[in-house]
Protein backbone atom coordinates (compact mmCIF):
# COMPACT_ATOMS: atom_id res chain seq x y z
CA UNK A 1 88.86 -69.71 -20.64
CA UNK A 2 88.55 -66.73 -22.97
CA UNK A 3 87.24 -64.66 -20.03
CA UNK A 4 90.14 -65.83 -17.88
CA UNK A 5 92.67 -64.83 -20.50
CA UNK A 6 91.13 -61.39 -20.85
CA UNK A 7 91.18 -60.98 -17.07
CA UNK A 8 94.80 -62.03 -17.01
CA UNK A 9 95.64 -59.49 -19.70
CA UNK A 10 93.83 -56.72 -17.79
CA UNK A 11 95.54 -57.59 -14.53
CA UNK A 12 98.89 -57.65 -16.26
CA UNK A 13 98.20 -54.32 -17.84
CA UNK A 14 97.17 -52.81 -14.53
CA UNK A 15 100.33 -54.08 -12.81
CA UNK A 16 102.41 -52.65 -15.61
CA UNK A 17 100.63 -49.29 -15.33
CA UNK A 18 101.26 -49.27 -11.59
CA UNK A 19 104.89 -50.10 -12.15
CA UNK A 20 105.25 -47.32 -14.69
CA UNK A 21 103.42 -44.90 -12.45
CA UNK A 22 105.70 -45.81 -9.55
CA UNK A 23 108.71 -45.32 -11.74
CA UNK A 24 107.44 -41.98 -13.04
CA UNK A 25 106.99 -40.44 -9.56
CA UNK A 26 110.10 -42.05 -8.04
CA UNK A 27 111.90 -38.77 -8.44
CA UNK A 28 109.40 -36.74 -6.41
CA UNK A 29 110.90 -35.60 -4.14
CA UNK A 30 114.39 -35.74 -5.60
CA UNK A 31 117.35 -37.35 -3.88
CA UNK A 32 117.89 -34.24 -1.76
CA UNK A 33 114.33 -34.29 -0.45
CA UNK A 34 113.27 -31.31 -2.56
CA UNK A 35 109.89 -31.19 -4.33
CA UNK A 36 109.88 -29.22 -7.62
CA UNK A 37 106.72 -27.53 -8.82
CA UNK A 38 105.41 -25.27 -11.58
CA UNK A 39 103.22 -22.26 -10.83
CA UNK A 40 101.05 -20.98 -13.70
CA UNK A 41 101.26 -17.22 -13.57
CA UNK A 42 97.86 -16.47 -15.14
CA UNK A 43 95.65 -19.02 -13.34
CA UNK A 44 97.60 -19.71 -10.13
CA UNK A 45 97.54 -23.46 -10.70
CA UNK A 46 100.34 -25.41 -9.08
CA UNK A 47 101.60 -28.80 -10.20
CA UNK A 48 104.54 -31.09 -9.29
CA UNK A 49 107.23 -32.02 -11.81
CA UNK A 50 110.10 -34.50 -11.70
CA UNK A 51 113.09 -32.52 -12.88
CA UNK A 52 115.08 -35.70 -13.53
CA UNK A 53 112.59 -37.06 -16.08
CA UNK A 54 110.54 -33.96 -16.88
CA UNK A 55 107.45 -36.06 -16.21
CA UNK A 56 105.00 -34.55 -15.98
CA UNK A 57 106.34 -31.94 -18.37
CA UNK A 58 108.87 -29.39 -17.20
CA UNK A 59 107.77 -25.86 -16.37
CA UNK A 60 106.75 -23.84 -19.47
CA UNK A 61 107.48 -20.14 -20.05
CA UNK A 62 104.03 -19.40 -18.67
CA UNK A 63 105.00 -20.99 -15.34
CA UNK A 64 107.35 -20.22 -12.51
CA UNK A 65 109.45 -22.99 -11.07
CA UNK A 66 109.10 -23.47 -7.26
CA UNK A 67 111.04 -25.72 -4.92
CA UNK A 68 110.19 -26.70 -1.35
CA UNK A 69 111.35 -29.15 1.25
CA UNK A 70 109.47 -32.48 1.33
CA UNK A 71 108.88 -32.43 5.09
CA UNK A 72 108.49 -28.74 5.35
CA UNK A 73 110.22 -26.51 7.85
CA UNK A 74 108.60 -25.59 11.12
CA UNK A 75 107.83 -21.89 11.20
CA UNK A 76 109.93 -19.64 13.40
CA UNK A 77 107.05 -19.03 15.80
CA UNK A 78 105.50 -20.57 18.85
CA UNK A 79 102.43 -19.19 20.63
CA UNK A 80 101.74 -19.08 24.35
CA UNK A 81 98.51 -18.01 26.00
CA UNK A 82 97.21 -17.43 29.51
CA UNK A 83 93.71 -16.26 30.53
CA UNK A 84 91.49 -15.48 33.50
CA UNK A 85 87.71 -15.18 33.37
CA UNK A 86 87.22 -12.95 36.42
CA UNK A 87 89.34 -11.16 38.98
CA UNK A 88 88.22 -8.67 41.67
CA UNK A 89 90.59 -5.66 41.97
CA UNK A 90 90.49 -3.74 45.26
CA UNK A 91 90.52 0.08 45.19
CA UNK A 92 93.97 1.65 45.25
CA UNK A 93 95.66 -1.76 45.32
CA UNK A 94 98.75 -0.45 43.53
CA UNK A 95 98.36 -2.83 40.56
CA UNK A 96 96.70 -6.09 41.44
CA UNK A 97 97.93 -8.95 39.24
CA UNK A 98 95.21 -10.38 37.03
CA UNK A 99 96.89 -13.16 35.15
CA UNK A 100 100.49 -14.40 34.68
CA UNK A 101 102.00 -16.58 31.95
CA UNK A 102 102.63 -20.01 33.44
CA UNK A 103 105.03 -21.66 33.01
CA UNK A 104 107.71 -19.11 32.24
CA UNK A 105 108.19 -18.17 28.61
CA UNK A 106 111.29 -19.80 27.09
CA UNK A 107 114.23 -17.60 26.04
CA UNK A 108 113.61 -15.78 22.82
CA UNK A 109 112.14 -12.85 21.00
CA UNK A 110 108.43 -12.20 21.42
CA UNK A 111 105.50 -10.06 20.39
CA UNK A 112 103.21 -10.05 23.41
CA UNK A 113 99.67 -8.67 23.57
CA UNK A 114 97.01 -8.54 26.23
CA UNK A 115 93.34 -7.57 26.60
CA UNK A 116 91.21 -7.03 29.62
CA UNK A 117 87.61 -5.82 30.08
CA UNK A 118 87.27 -3.58 33.13
CA UNK A 119 84.12 -2.32 34.90
CA UNK A 120 83.38 -0.64 38.24
CA UNK A 121 82.40 -2.81 41.18
CA UNK A 122 79.11 -1.80 42.76
CA UNK A 123 76.51 0.82 41.97
CA UNK A 124 76.55 4.62 41.50
CA UNK A 125 80.24 4.93 40.75
CA UNK A 126 81.10 8.28 39.13
CA UNK A 127 83.21 8.21 35.93
CA UNK A 128 86.68 7.22 37.07
CA UNK A 129 89.97 6.75 35.24
CA UNK A 130 91.61 3.34 35.57
CA UNK A 131 94.64 1.71 33.98
CA UNK A 132 96.09 -1.73 33.39
CA UNK A 133 99.66 -2.77 32.47
CA UNK A 134 101.13 -5.58 30.50
CA UNK A 135 104.57 -6.33 31.96
CA UNK A 136 107.47 -8.48 30.75
CA UNK A 137 110.23 -9.43 33.14
CA UNK A 138 113.31 -11.60 32.59
CA UNK A 139 116.88 -11.89 33.66
CA UNK A 140 117.75 -8.61 31.77
CA UNK A 141 115.15 -6.55 33.59
CA UNK A 142 111.61 -5.68 32.42
CA UNK A 143 109.39 -3.47 30.36
CA UNK A 144 105.69 -2.68 30.17
CA UNK A 145 102.85 -1.10 28.24
CA UNK A 146 99.80 0.62 29.73
CA UNK A 147 96.15 0.87 28.72
CA UNK A 148 93.93 3.69 30.10
CA UNK A 149 90.13 3.89 30.28
CA UNK A 150 87.12 5.16 32.19
CA UNK A 151 84.52 3.18 34.11
CA UNK A 152 81.28 4.18 35.87
CA UNK A 153 77.99 2.71 37.04
CA UNK A 154 74.52 3.83 38.04
CA UNK A 155 71.86 2.40 40.30
CA UNK A 156 71.15 -0.40 37.83
CA UNK A 157 74.76 -1.68 37.45
CA UNK A 158 77.26 -1.31 34.62
CA UNK A 159 77.08 1.88 32.60
CA UNK A 160 80.57 2.42 31.19
CA UNK A 161 82.81 -0.61 30.63
CA UNK A 162 86.27 -0.23 29.10
CA UNK A 163 88.29 -2.72 27.11
CA UNK A 164 92.03 -2.15 27.41
CA UNK A 165 94.58 -3.52 24.95
CA UNK A 166 98.34 -3.53 25.33
CA UNK A 167 101.30 -4.84 23.29
CA UNK A 168 105.04 -5.20 23.67
CA UNK A 169 107.87 -6.25 21.35
CA UNK A 170 110.13 -7.98 23.83
CA UNK A 171 113.54 -6.99 22.45
CA UNK A 172 116.16 -8.59 24.71
CA UNK A 173 114.01 -8.54 27.87
CA UNK A 174 113.28 -12.28 27.49
CA UNK A 175 116.71 -13.32 26.19
CA UNK A 176 116.88 -15.60 29.23
CA UNK A 177 113.19 -16.38 29.41
CA UNK A 178 110.79 -14.88 31.94
CA UNK A 179 107.17 -13.95 32.66
CA UNK A 180 104.43 -11.83 31.17
CA UNK A 181 101.56 -10.60 33.32
CA UNK A 182 98.64 -8.15 33.42
CA UNK A 183 97.94 -5.97 36.43
CA UNK A 184 95.26 -3.33 36.99
CA UNK A 185 94.78 -0.33 39.29
CA UNK A 186 92.26 2.39 40.00
CA UNK A 187 90.84 4.58 42.78
CA UNK A 188 87.68 2.45 42.87
CA UNK A 189 87.15 -1.28 43.14
CA UNK A 190 87.14 -2.99 39.70
CA UNK A 191 85.93 -6.15 38.03
CA UNK A 192 88.46 -7.46 35.50
CA UNK A 193 86.93 -9.94 33.04
CA UNK A 194 88.10 -12.03 30.11
CA UNK A 195 91.75 -11.18 30.60
CA UNK A 196 94.09 -12.82 28.10
CA UNK A 197 97.79 -12.72 27.35
CA UNK A 198 99.11 -14.01 24.01
CA UNK A 199 102.88 -14.30 23.49
CA UNK A 200 104.17 -15.19 20.02
CA UNK A 201 107.79 -16.22 19.76
CA UNK A 202 109.44 -14.99 16.57
CA UNK A 203 112.73 -15.61 14.83
CA UNK A 204 113.72 -11.94 14.90
CA UNK A 205 112.38 -8.50 15.61
CA UNK A 206 113.11 -5.38 13.61
CA UNK A 207 112.64 -1.95 15.26
CA UNK A 208 111.93 1.26 13.40
């Protein structure tokens, strides 16, 4: 019986502690869904505080008060990607398309980048200049960026391989949505490998 009484007291104490604990954190987040925290300037430690009860203690002079939304806000960006492992580009094809963003990019502002690894097709190709383009096209027209490089080969195969990178800040070109694609051209046949387009939608763009 003594053991049972002790157990009952312990259980009652635990329940009371849980009740007090629940009461103490009931104000985190507050009624507006805001979580209040204290950031210690010297150590970088961050803790949560209930501003209604100051439990745990309110921010001290050594701390900076921080507030954030309980659920958190989704960032202003979405990312879209398209890739192609290999594409054969005929000589003098007047820009053969390597890869296109599919489906179309939604309306918005974007920072779009692309990369493609280009080599000469065949053997004994003299050093030759080639170029690829990253193109954006929407209801308001289009724009592009070019990458230039040199390729060559000897009797054993690849000798000079070039990696071309391009980037565009979309401005208003994709205000109604549209496509991004990579196309390459050269006076000799080319192998385009590991081509990738990455389009990051942003809340705003600032030009300088």
